[in-house]
């Protein structure tokens, strides 16, 4: 398939997301590379692919990729990567996002902060 329409891109993103959820990382990566080759894909859609290296326990690779996207793209994923790397900056990043207007981001960052607090006790 050679996607060019928004519907085709959405289908690729859905297939990639399903492959990630089912831990079919080889398939997910192949779909991610297809998306990355297209010029009209939203950075947030490309950022979903960062879960592939995260699931492979390679958060540094995920963060490196995320840092190639616009600065305002997926700061929650960047915070997760810094957390997984053990970089203390994660706490500052997560705290700043814990009051986000985006309910998914807010919930994820609050959960990360709570999980970290529970682990430290």
C-alpha atoms as a PDB file:
ATOM      1  CA  UNK A   1       0.000   0.000   0.000  1.00  0.00           C
ATOM      2  CA  UNK A   2       1.293   3.453  -0.860  1.00  0.00           C
ATOM      3  CA  UNK A   3      -0.644   5.738   1.506  1.00  0.00           C
ATOM      4  CA  UNK A   4      -1.246   9.305   0.545  1.00  0.00           C
ATOM      5  CA  UNK A   5      -4.670  10.129   1.958  1.00  0.00           C
ATOM      6  CA  UNK A   6      -5.476  10.874   5.575  1.00  0.00           C
ATOM      7  CA  UNK A   7      -7.539   7.680   5.664  1.00  0.00           C
ATOM      8  CA  UNK A   8      -4.598   5.592   4.456  1.00  0.00           C
ATOM      9  CA  UNK A   9      -2.307   7.191   7.014  1.00  0.00           C
ATOM     10  CA  UNK A  10      -4.888   6.638   9.753  1.00  0.00           C
ATOM     11  CA  UNK A  11      -5.101   2.981   8.766  1.00  0.00           C
ATOM     12  CA  UNK A  12      -1.307   2.624   8.947  1.00  0.00           C
ATOM     13  CA  UNK A  13      -1.282   4.287  12.371  1.00  0.00           C
ATOM     14  CA  UNK A  14      -4.063   1.970  13.567  1.00  0.00           C
ATOM     15  CA  UNK A  15      -2.216  -1.097  12.273  1.00  0.00           C
ATOM     16  CA  UNK A  16       1.029   0.042  13.878  1.00  0.00           C
ATOM     17  CA  UNK A  17      -0.707   0.735  17.184  1.00  0.00           C
ATOM     18  CA  UNK A  18      -2.361  -2.701  17.141  1.00  0.00           C
ATOM     19  CA  UNK A  19       0.998  -4.336  16.407  1.00  0.00           C
ATOM     20  CA  UNK A  20       2.569  -2.460  19.338  1.00  0.00           C
ATOM     21  CA  UNK A  21      -0.257  -3.480  21.676  1.00  0.00           C
ATOM     22  CA  UNK A  22       0.167  -7.113  20.618  1.00  0.00           C
ATOM     23  CA  UNK A  23       3.966  -6.777  20.978  1.00  0.00           C
ATOM     24  CA  UNK A  24       4.480  -7.593  17.288  1.00  0.00           C
ATOM     25  CA  UNK A  25       7.408  -5.217  17.275  1.00  0.00           C
ATOM     26  CA  UNK A  26       8.886  -6.297  13.937  1.00  0.00           C
ATOM     27  CA  UNK A  27       5.586  -5.617  12.183  1.00  0.00           C
ATOM     28  CA  UNK A  28       5.124  -2.372  14.113  1.00  0.00           C
ATOM     29  CA  UNK A  29       8.582  -1.222  13.112  1.00  0.00           C
ATOM     30  CA  UNK A  30       7.967  -1.995   9.427  1.00  0.00           C
ATOM     31  CA  UNK A  31       4.766   0.081   9.557  1.00  0.00           C
ATOM     32  CA  UNK A  32       6.584   2.855  11.432  1.00  0.00           C
ATOM     33  CA  UNK A  33       9.229   3.027   8.705  1.00  0.00           C
ATOM     34  CA  UNK A  34       6.459   3.326   6.108  1.00  0.00           C
ATOM     35  CA  UNK A  35       4.973   6.249   8.033  1.00  0.00           C
ATOM     36  CA  UNK A  36       8.345   7.931   8.455  1.00  0.00           C
ATOM     37  CA  UNK A  37       8.873   7.850   4.681  1.00  0.00           C
ATOM     38  CA  UNK A  38       5.737   9.922   4.097  1.00  0.00           C
ATOM     39  CA  UNK A  39       5.852  13.698   4.130  1.00  0.00           C
ATOM     40  CA  UNK A  40       2.342  14.468   5.338  1.00  0.00           C
ATOM     41  CA  UNK A  41       2.191  12.535   8.617  1.00  0.00           C
ATOM     42  CA  UNK A  42       1.520  14.449  11.825  1.00  0.00           C
ATOM     43  CA  UNK A  43       4.453  14.322  14.259  1.00  0.00           C
ATOM     44  CA  UNK A  44       2.142  12.978  16.970  1.00  0.00           C
ATOM     45  CA  UNK A  45       1.328   9.983  14.744  1.00  0.00           C
ATOM     46  CA  UNK A  46       5.017   9.328  14.157  1.00  0.00           C
ATOM     47  CA  UNK A  47       5.687   9.605  17.892  1.00  0.00           C
ATOM     48  CA  UNK A  48       3.598   6.492  18.539  1.00  0.00           C
ATOM     49  CA  UNK A  49       6.485   4.546  17.051  1.00  0.00           C
ATOM     50  CA  UNK A  50       8.642   5.541  20.023  1.00  0.00           C
ATOM     51  CA  UNK A  51       6.889   2.787  21.947  1.00  0.00           C
ATOM     52  CA  UNK A  52       8.786   0.242  19.833  1.00  0.00           C
ATOM     53  CA  UNK A  53      12.217   1.001  21.313  1.00  0.00           C
ATOM     54  CA  UNK A  54      10.619   1.573  24.712  1.00  0.00           C
ATOM     55  CA  UNK A  55       9.190  -1.961  24.631  1.00  0.00           C
ATOM     56  CA  UNK A  56      12.593  -3.249  23.530  1.00  0.00           C
ATOM     57  CA  UNK A  57      14.052  -1.624  26.656  1.00  0.00           C
ATOM     58  CA  UNK A  58      15.826   0.987  24.523  1.00  0.00           C
ATOM     59  CA  UNK A  59      14.425   4.256  25.912  1.00  0.00           C
ATOM     60  CA  UNK A  60      17.509   6.190  24.786  1.00  0.00           C
ATOM     61  CA  UNK A  61      16.677   5.343  21.149  1.00  0.00           C
ATOM     62  CA  UNK A  62      13.066   6.364  21.723  1.00  0.00           C
ATOM     63  CA  UNK A  63      14.117   9.680  23.254  1.00  0.00           C
ATOM     64  CA  UNK A  64      16.590  10.303  20.444  1.00  0.00           C
ATOM     65  CA  UNK A  65      13.786   9.863  17.901  1.00  0.00           C
ATOM     66  CA  UNK A  66      11.333  11.995  19.903  1.00  0.00           C
ATOM     67  CA  UNK A  67      13.909  14.781  20.021  1.00  0.00           C
ATOM     68  CA  UNK A  68      13.837  14.920  16.199  1.00  0.00           C
ATOM     69  CA  UNK A  69      10.163  15.911  16.331  1.00  0.00           C
ATOM     70  CA  UNK A  70       8.901  19.438  17.113  1.00  0.00           C
ATOM     71  CA  UNK A  71       9.628  20.504  20.696  1.00  0.00           C
ATOM     72  CA  UNK A  72       5.962  20.578  21.680  1.00  0.00           C
ATOM     73  CA  UNK A  73       5.291  17.065  20.374  1.00  0.00           C
ATOM     74  CA  UNK A  74       4.650  14.394  23.009  1.00  0.00           C
ATOM     75  CA  UNK A  75       6.387  15.855  26.049  1.00  0.00           C
ATOM     76  CA  UNK A  76       4.769  13.075  28.078  1.00  0.00           C
ATOM     77  CA  UNK A  77       6.629  10.412  26.091  1.00  0.00           C
ATOM     78  CA  UNK A  78       9.851  12.358  26.530  1.00  0.00           C
ATOM     79  CA  UNK A  79       9.248  12.428  30.291  1.00  0.00           C
ATOM     80  CA  UNK A  80       8.604   8.683  30.285  1.00  0.00           C
ATOM     81  CA  UNK A  81      11.864   8.067  28.429  1.00  0.00           C
ATOM     82  CA  UNK A  82      13.877  10.197  30.849  1.00  0.00           C
ATOM     83  CA  UNK A  83      12.205   8.300  33.725  1.00  0.00           C
ATOM     84  CA  UNK A  84      13.167   4.956  32.171  1.00  0.00           C
ATOM     85  CA  UNK A  85      16.718   6.213  31.691  1.00  0.00           C
ATOM     86  CA  UNK A  86      16.943   7.230  35.341  1.00  0.00           C
ATOM     87  CA  UNK A  87      17.557  10.863  34.410  1.00  0.00           C
ATOM     88  CA  UNK A  88      16.363  13.047  37.313  1.00  0.00           C
ATOM     89  CA  UNK A  89      14.971  15.639  34.870  1.00  0.00           C
ATOM     90  CA  UNK A  90      11.974  13.318  34.365  1.00  0.00           C
ATOM     91  CA  UNK A  91      10.447  14.468  37.656  1.00  0.00           C
ATOM     92  CA  UNK A  92      10.527  18.123  36.636  1.00  0.00           C
ATOM     93  CA  UNK A  93       9.067  17.284  33.212  1.00  0.00           C
ATOM     94  CA  UNK A  94       6.319  15.066  34.649  1.00  0.00           C
ATOM     95  CA  UNK A  95       5.451  17.597  37.357  1.00  0.00           C
ATOM     96  CA  UNK A  96       5.074  20.342  34.764  1.00  0.00           C
ATOM     97  CA  UNK A  97       2.705  18.131  32.741  1.00  0.00           C
ATOM     98  CA  UNK A  98       0.675  16.898  35.731  1.00  0.00           C
ATOM     99  CA  UNK A  99      -1.585  19.941  35.409  1.00  0.00           C
ATOM    100  CA  UNK A 100      -1.894  19.781  31.620  1.00  0.00           C
ATOM    101  CA  UNK A 101      -5.159  20.702  29.929  1.00  0.00           C
ATOM    102  CA  UNK A 102      -4.904  17.377  28.090  1.00  0.00           C
ATOM    103  CA  UNK A 103      -6.649  14.842  30.345  1.00  0.00           C
ATOM    104  CA  UNK A 104      -4.692  11.847  29.018  1.00  0.00           C
ATOM    105  CA  UNK A 105      -1.367  13.582  29.511  1.00  0.00           C
ATOM    106  CA  UNK A 106      -2.386  14.850  32.947  1.00  0.00           C
ATOM    107  CA  UNK A 107      -3.509  11.374  34.072  1.00  0.00           C
ATOM    108  CA  UNK A 108      -0.401   9.653  32.678  1.00  0.00           C
ATOM    109  CA  UNK A 109       2.000  12.057  34.340  1.00  0.00           C
ATOM    110  CA  UNK A 110       0.182  11.949  37.673  1.00  0.00           C
ATOM    111  CA  UNK A 111       0.261   8.162  37.526  1.00  0.00           C
ATOM    112  CA  UNK A 112       3.988   8.200  36.732  1.00  0.00           C
ATOM    113  CA  UNK A 113       4.639  10.531  39.657  1.00  0.00           C
ATOM    114  CA  UNK A 114       2.528   8.381  41.994  1.00  0.00           C
ATOM    115  CA  UNK A 115       4.191   5.170  40.811  1.00  0.00           C
ATOM    116  CA  UNK A 116       7.614   6.665  41.382  1.00  0.00           C
ATOM    117  CA  UNK A 117       6.631   7.819  44.884  1.00  0.00           C
ATOM    118  CA  UNK A 118       5.357   4.328  45.735  1.00  0.00           C
ATOM    119  CA  UNK A 119       8.621   2.765  44.526  1.00  0.00           C
ATOM    120  CA  UNK A 120      10.720   5.164  46.618  1.00  0.00           C
ATOM    121  CA  UNK A 121       8.911   4.297  49.854  1.00  0.00           C
END
